[in-house]
Amino acid sequence: MNKTKSSSVAIRKSLKEATIIEKSLNKDIEVYQPLAQFGSRLYFGTIEVAQLNSIYQVSLTSFLNLFKRIFMLHSVSQRLSLDYRGNDHVTIFVIILTFQSQWDGTKIEERIQNLCYALLDSIYDFVSHGLFKTDKMAFALHLTHLMHEDAFEPNVRHGISRIDIF
């Protein structure tokens, strides 16, 4: 009876700790939601390059590897020591949380904006290296329109669709 009682107390304590950790993780996830949305829009916009020519294919694996590389480059520039061996989404999340804890002097919005720009630049370079010269400008226009729709006037914004560009 005492053994069961002590184990139930331990379970209750563990559940309370798990709830606290879950709330903390949910808060961290909310902070990085703009980066996730940016990456998602960028990926789905990038795979549309196949509409230019069927030989232009970008795999999710290639995109995720570039995504991870951006975080690693930023970690080196911030002099973080990360042990990076994984190829999964959990590894990316752990890297993001490590950045959050190590970059105390930098505003979170600034970090996210820098990561978004670095990701856009890296993806554009990666994809454009495999494009014919005649298709590079169309791809650049497509990404510009997709990632910065608010920079276009309303009549232009609705007059150009992704399919019209390609």
C-alpha atoms as a PDB file:
ATOM      1  CA  MET A   1       0.000   0.000   0.000  1.00  0.00           C
ATOM      2  CA  ASN A   2       2.800   2.429   0.903  1.00  0.00           C
ATOM      3  CA  LYS A   3       4.636   1.491  -2.291  1.00  0.00           C
ATOM      4  CA  THR A   4       1.552   2.306  -4.398  1.00  0.00           C
ATOM      5  CA  LYS A   5       1.030   5.539  -2.512  1.00  0.00           C
ATOM      6  CA  SER A   6       4.630   6.675  -3.056  1.00  0.00           C
ATOM      7  CA  SER A   7       4.509   5.769  -6.739  1.00  0.00           C
ATOM      8  CA  SER A   8       1.277   7.747  -7.184  1.00  0.00           C
ATOM      9  CA  VAL A   9       2.941  10.766  -5.553  1.00  0.00           C
ATOM     10  CA  ALA A  10       5.892  10.379  -7.926  1.00  0.00           C
ATOM     11  CA  ILE A  11       3.538  10.099 -10.907  1.00  0.00           C
ATOM     12  CA  ARG A  12       1.636  13.216  -9.822  1.00  0.00           C
ATOM     13  CA  LYS A  13       4.911  15.120  -9.471  1.00  0.00           C
ATOM     14  CA  SER A  14       6.029  13.956 -12.916  1.00  0.00           C
ATOM     15  CA  LEU A  15       2.716  15.010 -14.455  1.00  0.00           C
ATOM     16  CA  LYS A  16       3.042  18.483 -12.951  1.00  0.00           C
ATOM     17  CA  GLU A  17       6.577  18.791 -14.317  1.00  0.00           C
ATOM     18  CA  ALA A  18       5.409  17.545 -17.736  1.00  0.00           C
ATOM     19  CA  THR A  19       2.648  20.154 -17.783  1.00  0.00           C
ATOM     20  CA  ILE A  20       5.128  22.917 -17.008  1.00  0.00           C
ATOM     21  CA  ILE A  21       7.499  21.693 -19.723  1.00  0.00           C
ATOM     22  CA  GLU A  22       4.628  21.405 -22.206  1.00  0.00           C
ATOM     23  CA  LYS A  23       3.577  25.010 -21.549  1.00  0.00           C
ATOM     24  CA  SER A  24       7.141  26.185 -22.003  1.00  0.00           C
ATOM     25  CA  LEU A  25       7.522  24.284 -25.282  1.00  0.00           C
ATOM     26  CA  ASN A  26       4.186  25.586 -26.564  1.00  0.00           C
ATOM     27  CA  LYS A  27       5.341  29.129 -25.808  1.00  0.00           C
ATOM     28  CA  ASP A  28       8.593  28.523 -27.712  1.00  0.00           C
ATOM     29  CA  ILE A  29       6.680  27.025 -30.634  1.00  0.00           C
ATOM     30  CA  GLU A  30       4.453  30.112 -30.815  1.00  0.00           C
ATOM     31  CA  VAL A  31       7.501  32.376 -30.944  1.00  0.00           C
ATOM     32  CA  TYR A  32       8.955  30.555 -33.947  1.00  0.00           C
ATOM     33  CA  GLN A  33       5.645  30.158 -35.795  1.00  0.00           C
ATOM     34  CA  PRO A  34       6.467  32.998 -38.262  1.00  0.00           C
ATOM     35  CA  LEU A  35       9.663  31.203 -39.266  1.00  0.00           C
ATOM     36  CA  ALA A  36       7.761  27.961 -39.792  1.00  0.00           C
ATOM     37  CA  GLN A  37       5.146  29.730 -41.911  1.00  0.00           C
ATOM     38  CA  PHE A  38       7.838  31.464 -43.936  1.00  0.00           C
ATOM     39  CA  GLY A  39       9.623  28.164 -44.530  1.00  0.00           C
ATOM     40  CA  SER A  40       6.382  26.482 -45.534  1.00  0.00           C
ATOM     41  CA  ARG A  41       5.483  29.212 -48.032  1.00  0.00           C
ATOM     42  CA  LEU A  42       9.019  29.120 -49.386  1.00  0.00           C
ATOM     43  CA  TYR A  43       8.978  25.346 -49.839  1.00  0.00           C
ATOM     44  CA  PHE A  44       5.632  25.218 -51.598  1.00  0.00           C
ATOM     45  CA  GLY A  45       6.635  28.168 -53.763  1.00  0.00           C
ATOM     46  CA  THR A  46       9.915  26.498 -54.619  1.00  0.00           C
ATOM     47  CA  ILE A  47       8.372  23.233 -55.728  1.00  0.00           C
ATOM     48  CA  GLU A  48       6.216  25.223 -58.150  1.00  0.00           C
ATOM     49  CA  VAL A  49       9.375  25.809 -60.185  1.00  0.00           C
ATOM     50  CA  ALA A  50       8.552  22.486 -61.848  1.00  0.00           C
ATOM     51  CA  GLN A  51       5.827  24.370 -63.746  1.00  0.00           C
ATOM     52  CA  LEU A  52       8.608  26.104 -65.696  1.00  0.00           C
ATOM     53  CA  ASN A  53      10.142  22.844 -66.782  1.00  0.00           C
ATOM     54  CA  SER A  54       9.533  19.327 -65.562  1.00  0.00           C
ATOM     55  CA  ILE A  55      13.259  18.767 -64.985  1.00  0.00           C
ATOM     56  CA  TYR A  56      13.186  21.271 -62.113  1.00  0.00           C
ATOM     57  CA  GLN A  57      12.335  19.196 -59.075  1.00  0.00           C
ATOM     58  CA  VAL A  58      13.126  20.154 -55.478  1.00  0.00           C
ATOM     59  CA  SER A  59      12.691  17.417 -52.918  1.00  0.00           C
ATOM     60  CA  LEU A  60      11.564  17.951 -49.367  1.00  0.00           C
ATOM     61  CA  THR A  61      14.775  16.280 -48.197  1.00  0.00           C
ATOM     62  CA  SER A  62      16.913  18.810 -50.087  1.00  0.00           C
ATOM     63  CA  PHE A  63      14.875  21.676 -48.721  1.00  0.00           C
ATOM     64  CA  LEU A  64      15.120  20.414 -45.129  1.00  0.00           C
ATOM     65  CA  ASN A  65      18.869  19.908 -45.478  1.00  0.00           C
ATOM     66  CA  LEU A  66      19.220  23.532 -46.584  1.00  0.00           C
ATOM     67  CA  PHE A  67      16.962  24.601 -43.720  1.00  0.00           C
ATOM     68  CA  LYS A  68      19.170  22.761 -41.224  1.00  0.00           C
ATOM     69  CA  ARG A  69      22.331  24.143 -42.797  1.00  0.00           C
ATOM     70  CA  ILE A  70      21.097  27.700 -42.262  1.00  0.00           C
ATOM     71  CA  PHE A  71      20.706  27.001 -38.563  1.00  0.00           C
ATOM     72  CA  MET A  72      24.128  25.420 -38.411  1.00  0.00           C
ATOM     73  CA  LEU A  73      25.752  28.392 -40.147  1.00  0.00           C
ATOM     74  CA  HIS A  74      24.079  30.730 -37.698  1.00  0.00           C
ATOM     75  CA  SER A  75      25.214  28.555 -34.821  1.00  0.00           C
ATOM     76  CA  VAL A  76      28.818  28.788 -35.977  1.00  0.00           C
ATOM     77  CA  SER A  77      28.546  32.535 -36.383  1.00  0.00           C
ATOM     78  CA  GLN A  78      27.152  32.775 -32.849  1.00  0.00           C
ATOM     79  CA  ARG A  79      29.949  30.512 -31.533  1.00  0.00           C
ATOM     80  CA  LEU A  80      27.619  27.843 -30.271  1.00  0.00           C
ATOM     81  CA  SER A  81      28.851  24.320 -29.805  1.00  0.00           C
ATOM     82  CA  LEU A  82      26.119  21.999 -31.032  1.00  0.00           C
ATOM     83  CA  ASP A  83      26.425  18.281 -31.494  1.00  0.00           C
ATOM     84  CA  TYR A  84      24.487  17.894 -34.728  1.00  0.00           C
ATOM     85  CA  ARG A  85      24.021  14.415 -36.112  1.00  0.00           C
ATOM     86  CA  GLY A  86      20.307  14.080 -36.717  1.00  0.00           C
ATOM     87  CA  ASN A  87      18.264  14.422 -39.847  1.00  0.00           C
ATOM     88  CA  ASP A  88      14.866  14.828 -38.279  1.00  0.00           C
ATOM     89  CA  HIS A  89      12.482  17.604 -37.300  1.00  0.00           C
ATOM     90  CA  VAL A  90      13.225  17.139 -33.607  1.00  0.00           C
ATOM     91  CA  THR A  91      16.855  18.077 -34.245  1.00  0.00           C
ATOM     92  CA  ILE A  92      15.759  21.307 -35.921  1.00  0.00           C
ATOM     93  CA  PHE A  93      13.530  22.110 -32.958  1.00  0.00           C
ATOM     94  CA  VAL A  94      16.351  21.426 -30.488  1.00  0.00           C
ATOM     95  CA  ILE A  95      18.641  23.717 -32.483  1.00  0.00           C
ATOM     96  CA  ILE A  96      16.015  26.464 -32.426  1.00  0.00           C
ATOM     97  CA  LEU A  97      15.607  26.138 -28.669  1.00  0.00           C
ATOM     98  CA  THR A  98      19.371  26.221 -28.248  1.00  0.00           C
ATOM     99  CA  PHE A  99      19.466  29.454 -30.221  1.00  0.00           C
ATOM    100  CA  GLN A 100      16.798  30.923 -28.000  1.00  0.00           C
ATOM    101  CA  SER A 101      18.732  30.154 -24.849  1.00  0.00           C
ATOM    102  CA  GLN A 102      22.102  31.311 -26.236  1.00  0.00           C
ATOM    103  CA  TRP A 103      21.081  34.554 -27.959  1.00  0.00           C
ATOM    104  CA  ASP A 104      20.060  36.560 -24.949  1.00  0.00           C
ATOM    105  CA  GLY A 105      21.272  39.891 -26.347  1.00  0.00           C
ATOM    106  CA  THR A 106      19.367  39.697 -29.630  1.00  0.00           C
ATOM    107  CA  LYS A 107      15.673  40.340 -30.080  1.00  0.00           C
ATOM    108  CA  ILE A 108      13.735  37.256 -31.102  1.00  0.00           C
ATOM    109  CA  GLU A 109      12.025  39.058 -33.999  1.00  0.00           C
ATOM    110  CA  GLU A 110      15.408  40.109 -35.363  1.00  0.00           C
ATOM    111  CA  ARG A 111      16.716  36.547 -35.128  1.00  0.00           C
ATOM    112  CA  ILE A 112      13.692  35.181 -36.949  1.00  0.00           C
ATOM    113  CA  GLN A 113      13.970  37.838 -39.657  1.00  0.00           C
ATOM    114  CA  ASN A 114      17.678  37.076 -40.136  1.00  0.00           C
ATOM    115  CA  LEU A 115      16.967  33.361 -40.379  1.00  0.00           C
ATOM    116  CA  CYS A 116      14.168  33.990 -42.908  1.00  0.00           C
ATOM    117  CA  TYR A 117      16.442  36.102 -45.106  1.00  0.00           C
ATOM    118  CA  ALA A 118      19.240  33.557 -44.867  1.00  0.00           C
ATOM    119  CA  LEU A 119      16.845  30.743 -45.752  1.00  0.00           C
ATOM    120  CA  LEU A 120      15.433  32.647 -48.728  1.00  0.00           C
ATOM    121  CA  ASP A 121      18.916  33.476 -49.986  1.00  0.00           C
ATOM    122  CA  SER A 122      20.126  29.901 -49.582  1.00  0.00           C
ATOM    123  CA  ILE A 123      17.089  28.387 -51.297  1.00  0.00           C
ATOM    124  CA  TYR A 124      17.277  30.870 -54.156  1.00  0.00           C
ATOM    125  CA  ASP A 125      20.994  30.142 -54.694  1.00  0.00           C
ATOM    126  CA  PHE A 126      20.447  26.385 -54.478  1.00  0.00           C
ATOM    127  CA  VAL A 127      17.553  26.299 -56.938  1.00  0.00           C
ATOM    128  CA  SER A 128      18.836  28.921 -59.356  1.00  0.00           C
ATOM    129  CA  HIS A 129      22.091  27.012 -59.840  1.00  0.00           C
ATOM    130  CA  GLY A 130      20.058  24.286 -61.492  1.00  0.00           C
ATOM    131  CA  LEU A 131      17.897  26.550 -63.658  1.00  0.00           C
ATOM    132  CA  PHE A 132      18.426  27.597 -67.239  1.00  0.00           C
ATOM    133  CA  LYS A 133      19.368  31.274 -67.587  1.00  0.00           C
ATOM    134  CA  THR A 134      16.036  32.044 -69.193  1.00  0.00           C
ATOM    135  CA  ASP A 135      14.142  30.689 -66.157  1.00  0.00           C
ATOM    136  CA  LYS A 136      16.151  32.376 -63.381  1.00  0.00           C
ATOM    137  CA  MET A 137      14.368  35.708 -63.679  1.00  0.00           C
ATOM    138  CA  ALA A 138      10.935  34.055 -63.656  1.00  0.00           C
ATOM    139  CA  PHE A 139      11.893  32.125 -60.518  1.00  0.00           C
ATOM    140  CA  ALA A 140      13.189  35.304 -58.828  1.00  0.00           C
ATOM    141  CA  LEU A 141       9.971  37.144 -59.687  1.00  0.00           C
ATOM    142  CA  HIS A 142       7.896  34.234 -58.446  1.00  0.00           C
ATOM    143  CA  LEU A 143       9.715  34.107 -55.090  1.00  0.00           C
ATOM    144  CA  THR A 144       9.550  37.873 -54.710  1.00  0.00           C
ATOM    145  CA  HIS A 145       5.835  37.900 -55.357  1.00  0.00           C
ATOM    146  CA  LEU A 146       5.207  34.903 -53.115  1.00  0.00           C
ATOM    147  CA  MET A 147       7.286  35.999 -50.131  1.00  0.00           C
ATOM    148  CA  HIS A 148       6.500  39.733 -50.274  1.00  0.00           C
ATOM    149  CA  GLU A 149       2.923  39.943 -51.506  1.00  0.00           C
ATOM    150  CA  ASP A 150       2.299  42.999 -49.362  1.00  0.00           C
ATOM    151  CA  ALA A 151       4.923  44.944 -51.350  1.00  0.00           C
ATOM    152  CA  PHE A 152       2.735  44.782 -54.476  1.00  0.00           C
ATOM    153  CA  GLU A 153      -0.130  47.138 -55.097  1.00  0.00           C
ATOM    154  CA  PRO A 154      -3.553  45.507 -54.722  1.00  0.00           C
ATOM    155  CA  ASN A 155      -4.377  45.490 -58.440  1.00  0.00           C
ATOM    156  CA  VAL A 156      -0.989  43.933 -59.219  1.00  0.00           C
ATOM    157  CA  ARG A 157      -1.290  41.496 -56.322  1.00  0.00           C
ATOM    158  CA  HIS A 158      -4.523  40.046 -57.669  1.00  0.00           C
ATOM    159  CA  GLY A 159      -3.550  40.344 -61.327  1.00  0.00           C
ATOM    160  CA  ILE A 160      -0.571  38.027 -61.065  1.00  0.00           C
ATOM    161  CA  SER A 161      -1.010  34.480 -59.976  1.00  0.00           C
ATOM    162  CA  ARG A 162       1.756  31.957 -59.555  1.00  0.00           C
ATOM    163  CA  ILE A 163       0.670  30.205 -62.718  1.00  0.00           C
ATOM    164  CA  ASP A 164       0.770  33.471 -64.716  1.00  0.00           C
ATOM    165  CA  ILE A 165       4.412  33.970 -63.781  1.00  0.00           C
ATOM    166  CA  PHE A 166       5.310  30.474 -64.853  1.00  0.00           C
END
